[in-house]
Amino acid sequence: MRQAPVVAALGVTQIIGYGSIYYAYPILAPAIAAEFGAQEPVLFGILSAGLLLGGLASPVLGRQIDRFGGAQVMCAGSLAMALLSLLIAGSPNIYVFGGLTLLIELLSFAVLYDAAFSVLAQKRPNDTRRAITNLTLIAGFASTLFWPLSGWLVGEVGWQGAYLVFAALHLLLAAPLHGWIFATPHVNEKTSLEEQRPKPDERYVPLEGRTARRAFILLGIAFGLTGMAISALGVHLVLALQSLGLGSSAYLIAMLMGPAQVAIRVVDATLWRNQHPLLVAIVSSAAIPAALALLLLPGPAMILAVCFAISFGAGQGLSSIVRGAVPVALFGTAGMGQRLGRLAAIRSMLGAAAPFLFSWIATALSIQLAIGFALLVAITGLVALMSLRLELRIRVN
């Protein structure tokens, strides 16, 4: 089967997954907090706890992907998202809402990038990076679509109505698309670890033994810290932009992130396609602290905000690619589901507290100190990635 239809289908489901699970949450949070008489930091504390639970569950779900196939797990995940979104819409209090949100985060690995990347690795083990890049080109519009959509829905039908719409999208669009991928006869998705052994013509020879273990640890730390900074600002992006005094125009500037993500992925697919994914990961990791530093600099607010959105969007856009492409380049495609699950667990343990910590620092101290905290975390992640680059300099060269 041709790659394009599968990538396009996964692109649509990733827009739905990321849009409804993450990008809609901060837009709906004020209305949810007001409904239940809760403080907004409580809502983001629930999200942080959910991110941690989801990360801890990721290795288990990753093993199921390797065992049963990615599309099967993603189809079941979409059905679960539909049911949980429907139940959230009827939440009578903050406790029920919180519990259901935790369940969504617990199972989110099954419908987001890591699962989709595993599907692509199972289908095209020798062309995974290209497939991942093409997928992220489509999915990069999740924030561009779901931020304004969520704002419109909460104004027209309330946050409960918004979750009903999300349930319908998972049930009527995402689940059938995953089911179609599963039912396609020419795609063999149920591959064991032994059957997924790297082919001789694969571009990169997988690391082994102690070198592989050290590289995995450094990669997990680097991805975790960079993801922590992205998570903190991704949830509070509009608040960070409003700290520059932009007011409602912050929403419009935030929408530049989507096109920036797509543009940098086009660059990766064309100009950087022959570069080692680890070098692309360093560019991605460096773009995040560069963007955060712009928020702390004096100068014209509009220019700084636009440059921030472009740099942050570019870094985030590349991060989505490298989190799948780098493990393939360093370790091969065998057992990719479990490996991505373990990386997700490390990323979650380091980054789950980010939304809550950022919200607490911004509320108790100042938004500038919260941004400074995220900047320090991002720089540390970049240092870890550079350490990995030095460790493997002979292989990368």
Protein backbone atom coordinates (compact mmCIF):
# COMPACT_ATOMS: atom_id res chain seq x y z
CA MET A 1 0.00 0.00 0.00
CA ARG A 2 1.15 3.52 -0.74
CA GLN A 3 2.44 5.57 2.19
CA ALA A 4 0.45 8.75 1.48
CA PRO A 5 -3.09 7.57 2.42
CA VAL A 6 -1.92 6.11 5.73
CA VAL A 7 0.09 9.22 6.59
CA ALA A 8 -2.86 11.46 5.68
CA ALA A 9 -5.24 9.41 7.81
CA LEU A 10 -2.87 9.48 10.77
CA GLY A 11 -2.41 13.23 10.27
CA VAL A 12 -6.14 13.80 10.70
CA THR A 13 -6.30 11.63 13.81
CA GLN A 14 -3.30 13.42 15.33
CA ILE A 15 -4.98 16.78 14.81
CA ILE A 16 -8.02 15.45 16.65
CA GLY A 17 -5.95 13.82 19.39
CA TYR A 18 -3.63 16.70 20.20
CA GLY A 19 -6.31 19.30 19.61
CA SER A 20 -8.89 17.80 21.94
CA ILE A 21 -6.56 16.43 24.63
CA TYR A 22 -4.04 19.28 24.95
CA TYR A 23 -4.66 22.44 22.93
CA ALA A 24 -8.29 22.79 23.96
CA TYR A 25 -7.61 22.32 27.67
CA PRO A 26 -6.19 25.78 28.56
CA ILE A 27 -8.92 27.46 26.52
CA LEU A 28 -11.67 25.56 28.35
CA ALA A 29 -10.01 25.65 31.79
CA PRO A 30 -11.36 29.07 32.91
CA ALA A 31 -14.95 28.06 32.16
CA ILE A 32 -14.49 24.68 33.85
CA ALA A 33 -12.96 26.30 36.94
CA ALA A 34 -15.82 28.80 37.13
CA GLU A 35 -18.40 26.01 36.75
CA PHE A 36 -17.03 24.03 39.68
CA GLY A 37 -15.80 26.92 41.82
CA ALA A 38 -12.18 25.78 41.57
CA GLN A 39 -8.95 27.69 41.09
CA GLU A 40 -7.33 27.41 37.67
CA PRO A 41 -4.05 26.02 39.11
CA VAL A 42 -6.11 23.05 40.32
CA LEU A 43 -7.11 22.33 36.73
CA PHE A 44 -3.49 22.43 35.60
CA GLY A 45 -2.49 20.32 38.60
CA ILE A 46 -4.90 17.67 37.31
CA LEU A 47 -3.28 17.94 33.88
CA SER A 48 0.20 17.56 35.38
CA ALA A 49 -0.85 14.47 37.34
CA GLY A 50 -2.41 13.07 34.19
CA LEU A 51 0.77 13.63 32.19
CA LEU A 52 2.71 11.70 34.81
CA LEU A 53 0.24 8.82 34.83
CA GLY A 54 0.24 8.74 31.04
CA GLY A 55 4.01 8.57 30.97
CA LEU A 56 4.11 5.73 33.48
CA ALA A 57 1.56 3.81 31.39
CA SER A 58 3.41 4.43 28.13
CA PRO A 59 5.82 1.45 28.31
CA VAL A 60 2.87 -0.89 28.90
CA LEU A 61 0.94 0.53 25.95
CA GLY A 62 4.11 0.48 23.87
CA ARG A 63 4.47 -3.25 24.46
CA GLN A 64 0.88 -3.76 23.31
CA ILE A 65 1.69 -1.84 20.12
CA ASP A 66 4.65 -4.14 19.43
CA ARG A 67 2.52 -7.18 20.23
CA PHE A 68 -0.79 -6.43 18.51
CA GLY A 69 0.05 -3.68 16.02
CA GLY A 70 -0.19 0.10 16.18
CA ALA A 71 -3.46 0.62 14.31
CA GLN A 72 -5.34 -1.82 16.53
CA VAL A 73 -4.20 -0.04 19.68
CA MET A 74 -4.93 3.39 18.18
CA CYS A 75 -8.45 2.33 17.16
CA ALA A 76 -9.19 1.12 20.68
CA GLY A 77 -7.67 4.33 22.03
CA SER A 78 -9.95 6.51 19.89
CA LEU A 79 -13.02 4.65 21.14
CA ALA A 80 -11.83 5.17 24.71
CA MET A 81 -11.26 8.90 24.07
CA ALA A 82 -14.78 9.21 22.67
CA LEU A 83 -16.34 7.55 25.72
CA LEU A 84 -14.29 9.53 28.24
CA SER A 85 -14.98 12.85 26.48
CA LEU A 86 -18.69 12.06 26.55
CA LEU A 87 -18.53 11.30 30.28
CA ILE A 88 -16.52 14.47 30.97
CA ALA A 89 -19.28 16.54 29.36
CA GLY A 90 -21.64 15.25 32.05
CA SER A 91 -19.29 15.69 35.01
CA PRO A 92 -21.29 16.83 38.07
CA ASN A 93 -18.28 18.11 40.03
CA ILE A 94 -14.55 18.75 39.90
CA TYR A 95 -13.75 15.31 41.34
CA VAL A 96 -15.47 13.41 38.55
CA PHE A 97 -14.01 15.77 35.97
CA GLY A 98 -10.54 15.29 37.44
CA GLY A 99 -10.81 11.51 37.52
CA LEU A 100 -11.97 11.31 33.91
CA THR A 101 -9.25 13.71 32.79
CA LEU A 102 -6.67 11.49 34.49
CA LEU A 103 -8.03 8.51 32.55
CA ILE A 104 -7.75 10.41 29.27
CA GLU A 105 -4.12 11.26 29.99
CA LEU A 106 -3.46 7.69 31.15
CA LEU A 107 -4.50 6.34 27.74
CA SER A 108 -3.36 9.25 25.57
CA PHE A 109 -0.18 7.45 24.43
CA ALA A 110 -2.43 5.14 22.42
CA VAL A 111 -3.72 7.91 20.13
CA LEU A 112 -0.85 10.41 19.87
CA TYR A 113 2.48 10.72 18.07
CA ASP A 114 4.40 7.86 19.66
CA ALA A 115 1.75 5.32 18.68
CA ALA A 116 1.49 6.81 15.18
CA PHE A 117 5.27 6.74 14.77
CA SER A 118 5.25 3.08 15.77
CA VAL A 119 2.65 2.38 13.09
CA LEU A 120 4.89 4.02 10.50
CA ALA A 121 7.96 2.14 11.75
CA GLN A 122 6.07 -1.14 11.44
CA LYS A 123 4.96 -0.31 7.90
CA ARG A 124 8.09 1.34 6.49
CA PRO A 125 11.11 0.40 8.64
CA ASN A 126 13.55 1.73 6.02
CA ASP A 127 11.73 5.01 5.38
CA THR A 128 10.41 5.89 8.83
CA ARG A 129 11.94 9.35 9.08
CA ARG A 130 10.36 10.55 5.84
CA ALA A 131 6.99 9.16 6.87
CA ILE A 132 7.27 10.81 10.31
CA THR A 133 8.12 14.17 8.74
CA ASN A 134 5.17 13.95 6.35
CA LEU A 135 2.86 13.03 9.22
CA THR A 136 3.95 15.96 11.35
CA LEU A 137 3.46 18.31 8.39
CA ILE A 138 -0.26 17.58 8.62
CA ALA A 139 -0.56 17.31 12.39
CA GLY A 140 1.22 20.64 12.88
CA PHE A 141 -2.07 22.43 12.29
CA ALA A 142 -3.64 21.01 15.47
CA SER A 143 -3.02 24.17 17.49
CA THR A 144 -3.98 26.47 14.60
CA LEU A 145 -7.33 24.71 14.30
CA PHE A 146 -8.21 23.83 17.88
CA TRP A 147 -7.33 27.05 19.69
CA PRO A 148 -9.88 29.13 17.78
CA LEU A 149 -12.30 26.20 17.55
CA SER A 150 -12.20 25.68 21.32
CA GLY A 151 -12.65 29.39 21.96
CA TRP A 152 -15.65 29.48 19.63
CA LEU A 153 -17.20 26.32 21.11
CA VAL A 154 -16.91 27.48 24.72
CA GLY A 155 -18.64 30.72 23.75
CA GLU A 156 -21.42 29.06 21.76
CA VAL A 157 -22.16 25.76 23.51
CA GLY A 158 -20.05 25.90 26.69
CA TRP A 159 -17.23 23.62 27.73
CA GLN A 160 -19.62 20.67 28.05
CA GLY A 161 -20.71 21.11 24.45
CA ALA A 162 -17.09 21.34 23.38
CA TYR A 163 -16.35 17.95 24.92
CA LEU A 164 -19.38 16.48 23.14
CA VAL A 165 -17.94 17.71 19.85
CA PHE A 166 -14.58 16.16 20.74
CA ALA A 167 -16.30 12.85 21.55
CA ALA A 168 -17.98 12.90 18.15
CA LEU A 169 -14.68 13.58 16.38
CA HIS A 170 -12.99 10.64 18.09
CA LEU A 171 -15.92 8.30 17.47
CA LEU A 172 -16.96 9.27 13.95
CA LEU A 173 -13.63 10.25 12.40
CA ALA A 174 -10.53 9.09 14.31
CA ALA A 175 -11.73 5.59 15.21
CA PRO A 176 -12.91 4.73 11.67
CA LEU A 177 -9.63 5.98 10.19
CA HIS A 178 -7.61 3.84 12.58
CA GLY A 179 -9.92 0.94 11.81
CA TRP A 180 -9.37 1.46 8.09
CA ILE A 181 -5.60 1.30 8.56
CA PHE A 182 -6.03 -1.89 10.58
CA ALA A 183 -8.30 -3.46 7.94
CA THR A 184 -6.03 -2.69 4.99
CA PRO A 185 -4.91 -6.15 3.78
CA HIS A 186 -1.61 -5.09 2.23
CA VAL A 187 -0.22 -3.71 5.50
CA ASN A 188 1.32 -6.14 7.96
CA GLU A 189 1.11 -4.40 11.30
CA LYS A 190 1.27 -7.38 13.65
CA THR A 191 5.02 -7.79 13.74
CA SER A 192 6.96 -9.31 16.61
CA LEU A 193 10.23 -7.91 17.85
CA GLU A 194 12.12 -10.66 16.00
CA GLU A 195 10.28 -9.93 12.73
CA GLN A 196 11.17 -6.24 12.99
CA ARG A 197 14.95 -6.78 12.91
CA PRO A 198 16.74 -4.01 10.96
CA LYS A 199 17.31 -4.72 7.26
CA PRO A 200 20.82 -4.51 5.77
CA ASP A 201 19.91 -1.50 3.66
CA GLU A 202 18.80 0.64 6.57
CA ARG A 203 20.74 3.90 6.67
CA TYR A 204 21.92 3.76 10.27
CA VAL A 205 23.41 0.82 12.14
CA PRO A 206 21.70 0.53 15.56
CA LEU A 207 23.75 1.05 18.70
CA GLU A 208 24.24 -1.93 20.95
CA GLY A 209 25.26 -2.81 24.48
CA ARG A 210 26.58 -0.21 26.89
CA THR A 211 26.77 2.49 24.23
CA ALA A 212 23.08 2.06 23.48
CA ARG A 213 22.15 2.20 27.16
CA ARG A 214 24.15 5.40 27.76
CA ALA A 215 22.72 7.00 24.64
CA PHE A 216 19.19 6.07 25.68
CA ILE A 217 19.61 7.66 29.12
CA LEU A 218 21.05 10.90 27.70
CA LEU A 219 18.37 11.01 25.04
CA GLY A 220 15.66 10.50 27.63
CA ILE A 221 17.00 13.33 29.80
CA ALA A 222 17.39 15.68 26.82
CA PHE A 223 13.94 14.96 25.43
CA GLY A 224 12.43 15.11 28.91
CA LEU A 225 13.81 18.54 29.81
CA THR A 226 13.08 20.03 26.41
CA GLY A 227 9.59 18.55 26.57
CA MET A 228 9.16 20.02 30.05
CA ALA A 229 9.81 23.53 28.73
CA ILE A 230 7.55 22.96 25.73
CA SER A 231 4.80 21.59 27.98
CA ALA A 232 4.99 24.55 30.35
CA LEU A 233 4.77 27.14 27.59
CA GLY A 234 2.48 25.15 25.34
CA VAL A 235 -0.26 25.14 27.96
CA HIS A 236 0.32 28.76 28.99
CA LEU A 237 1.34 30.18 25.62
CA VAL A 238 -1.36 32.84 25.44
CA LEU A 239 -0.62 33.92 29.04
CA ALA A 240 3.08 34.23 28.20
CA LEU A 241 2.34 36.36 25.15
CA GLN A 242 -0.06 38.53 27.12
CA SER A 243 2.80 39.23 29.55
CA LEU A 244 4.21 41.43 26.78
CA GLY A 245 1.06 43.56 26.96
CA LEU A 246 -0.53 42.26 23.77
CA GLY A 247 -4.02 41.60 25.09
CA SER A 248 -6.38 39.74 22.77
CA SER A 249 -3.90 39.90 19.88
CA ALA A 250 -1.92 37.21 21.72
CA TYR A 251 -4.37 34.65 20.31
CA LEU A 252 -3.62 35.72 16.74
CA ILE A 253 0.13 35.65 17.29
CA ALA A 254 -0.11 32.23 18.93
CA MET A 255 -1.71 30.96 15.74
CA LEU A 256 1.61 31.61 13.95
CA MET A 257 3.02 28.55 15.70
CA GLY A 258 1.15 26.15 13.45
CA PRO A 259 2.51 27.56 10.18
CA ALA A 260 5.98 27.82 11.77
CA GLN A 261 5.83 24.14 12.67
CA VAL A 262 4.81 23.22 9.15
CA ALA A 263 7.44 25.47 7.54
CA ILE A 264 10.33 23.99 9.54
CA ARG A 265 9.10 20.48 8.76
CA VAL A 266 9.16 21.33 5.06
CA VAL A 267 12.76 22.47 5.53
CA ASP A 268 13.56 19.19 7.27
CA ALA A 269 11.89 17.18 4.51
CA THR A 270 13.80 18.99 1.75
CA LEU A 271 17.01 20.73 2.80
CA TRP A 272 17.83 18.62 5.87
CA ARG A 273 16.65 15.20 4.73
CA ASN A 274 20.22 13.88 4.55
CA GLN A 275 21.28 15.27 7.92
CA HIS A 276 21.56 12.95 10.89
CA PRO A 277 18.38 13.28 13.01
CA LEU A 278 20.52 14.00 16.09
CA LEU A 279 21.79 17.22 14.51
CA VAL A 280 18.22 18.23 13.71
CA ALA A 281 17.35 17.47 17.35
CA ILE A 282 20.03 19.93 18.49
CA VAL A 283 18.55 22.65 16.27
CA SER A 284 15.13 21.89 17.73
CA SER A 285 16.40 21.97 21.31
CA ALA A 286 18.27 25.26 20.75
CA ALA A 287 15.21 26.99 19.27
CA ILE A 288 13.21 26.61 22.51
CA PRO A 289 15.50 28.58 24.88
CA ALA A 290 16.08 31.12 22.11
CA ALA A 291 12.33 31.68 21.92
CA LEU A 292 11.93 31.92 25.69
CA ALA A 293 14.75 34.46 25.94
CA LEU A 294 12.84 36.73 23.54
CA LEU A 295 9.99 36.99 26.06
CA LEU A 296 12.38 38.41 28.65
CA LEU A 297 14.10 40.94 26.40
CA PRO A 298 13.12 44.62 26.26
CA GLY A 299 11.91 45.92 22.93
CA PRO A 300 8.85 46.22 20.68
CA ALA A 301 6.32 43.77 22.08
CA MET A 302 4.77 42.83 18.74
CA ILE A 303 8.11 42.07 17.06
CA LEU A 304 9.35 40.04 20.04
CA ALA A 305 6.09 38.12 20.20
CA VAL A 306 6.11 37.25 16.50
CA CYS A 307 9.76 36.12 16.67
CA PHE A 308 8.95 34.08 19.78
CA ALA A 309 6.02 32.33 18.10
CA ILE A 310 8.09 31.48 15.03
CA SER A 311 11.10 30.21 17.00
CA PHE A 312 9.01 28.29 19.54
CA GLY A 313 6.84 26.83 16.79
CA ALA A 314 9.91 25.78 14.82
CA GLY A 315 11.49 24.12 17.85
CA GLN A 316 8.28 22.36 18.76
CA GLY A 317 7.74 21.32 15.16
CA LEU A 318 11.14 19.68 14.92
CA SER A 319 10.80 18.10 18.36
CA SER A 320 7.83 16.10 17.13
CA ILE A 321 9.95 14.68 14.31
CA VAL A 322 13.13 13.94 16.24
CA ARG A 323 11.38 12.14 19.10
CA GLY A 324 10.57 9.43 16.56
CA ALA A 325 13.42 9.79 14.06
CA VAL A 326 16.34 9.89 16.52
CA PRO A 327 15.42 6.62 18.29
CA VAL A 328 15.10 4.91 14.89
CA ALA A 329 18.49 6.24 13.77
CA LEU A 330 20.24 5.29 17.02
CA PHE A 331 18.49 2.04 17.98
CA GLY A 332 16.66 0.72 14.88
CA THR A 333 12.97 -0.10 14.38
CA ALA A 334 12.82 -3.35 16.35
CA GLY A 335 10.63 -2.91 19.42
CA MET A 336 10.02 0.75 18.67
CA GLY A 337 6.69 0.84 20.49
CA GLN A 338 8.19 -0.17 23.81
CA ARG A 339 11.24 2.06 23.31
CA LEU A 340 9.11 5.11 22.58
CA GLY A 341 6.99 4.19 25.57
CA ARG A 342 10.04 4.23 27.84
CA LEU A 343 11.19 7.56 26.43
CA ALA A 344 7.69 8.91 26.99
CA ALA A 345 7.86 7.73 30.61
CA ILE A 346 11.14 9.58 31.16
CA ARG A 347 9.74 12.64 29.40
CA SER A 348 6.62 12.56 31.54
CA MET A 349 8.42 12.08 34.85
CA LEU A 350 10.52 15.15 34.11
CA GLY A 351 7.81 17.22 32.48
CA ALA A 352 4.52 16.31 34.14
CA ALA A 353 4.94 18.99 36.79
CA ALA A 354 5.62 21.72 34.21
CA PRO A 355 2.08 23.11 33.70
CA PHE A 356 1.40 23.23 37.45
CA LEU A 357 4.81 24.66 38.35
CA PHE A 358 4.59 27.31 35.64
CA SER A 359 1.07 28.26 36.72
CA TRP A 360 2.08 28.39 40.41
CA ILE A 361 5.21 30.50 39.77
CA ALA A 362 3.28 32.84 37.49
CA THR A 363 0.47 33.25 40.03
CA ALA A 364 2.51 33.41 43.25
CA LEU A 365 5.53 35.30 41.91
CA SER A 366 5.46 36.62 38.35
CA ILE A 367 5.08 35.48 34.78
CA GLN A 368 8.64 36.63 34.07
CA LEU A 369 10.06 34.29 36.72
CA ALA A 370 7.94 31.46 35.33
CA ILE A 371 9.38 32.08 31.87
CA GLY A 372 12.88 32.22 33.38
CA PHE A 373 12.28 28.83 35.00
CA ALA A 374 11.26 27.34 31.65
CA LEU A 375 14.33 28.92 30.03
CA LEU A 376 16.69 27.29 32.55
CA VAL A 377 15.06 23.90 32.00
CA ALA A 378 15.34 24.25 28.21
CA ILE A 379 19.02 25.18 28.37
CA THR A 380 19.75 22.15 30.55
CA GLY A 381 18.01 19.92 28.01
CA LEU A 382 20.16 21.39 25.24
CA VAL A 383 23.31 20.65 27.25
CA ALA A 384 22.24 17.01 27.66
CA LEU A 385 21.66 16.68 23.93
CA MET A 386 25.04 18.24 23.15
CA SER A 387 26.62 15.72 25.52
CA LEU A 388 25.01 12.93 23.53
CA ARG A 389 26.31 14.49 20.32
CA LEU A 390 29.86 14.48 21.71
CA GLU A 391 29.44 10.91 22.94
CA LEU A 392 28.51 9.75 19.44
CA ARG A 393 30.52 12.23 17.38
CA ILE A 394 32.25 9.51 15.34
CA ARG A 395 28.96 7.81 14.42
CA VAL A 396 27.19 11.05 13.57
CA ASN A 397 30.05 12.23 11.38
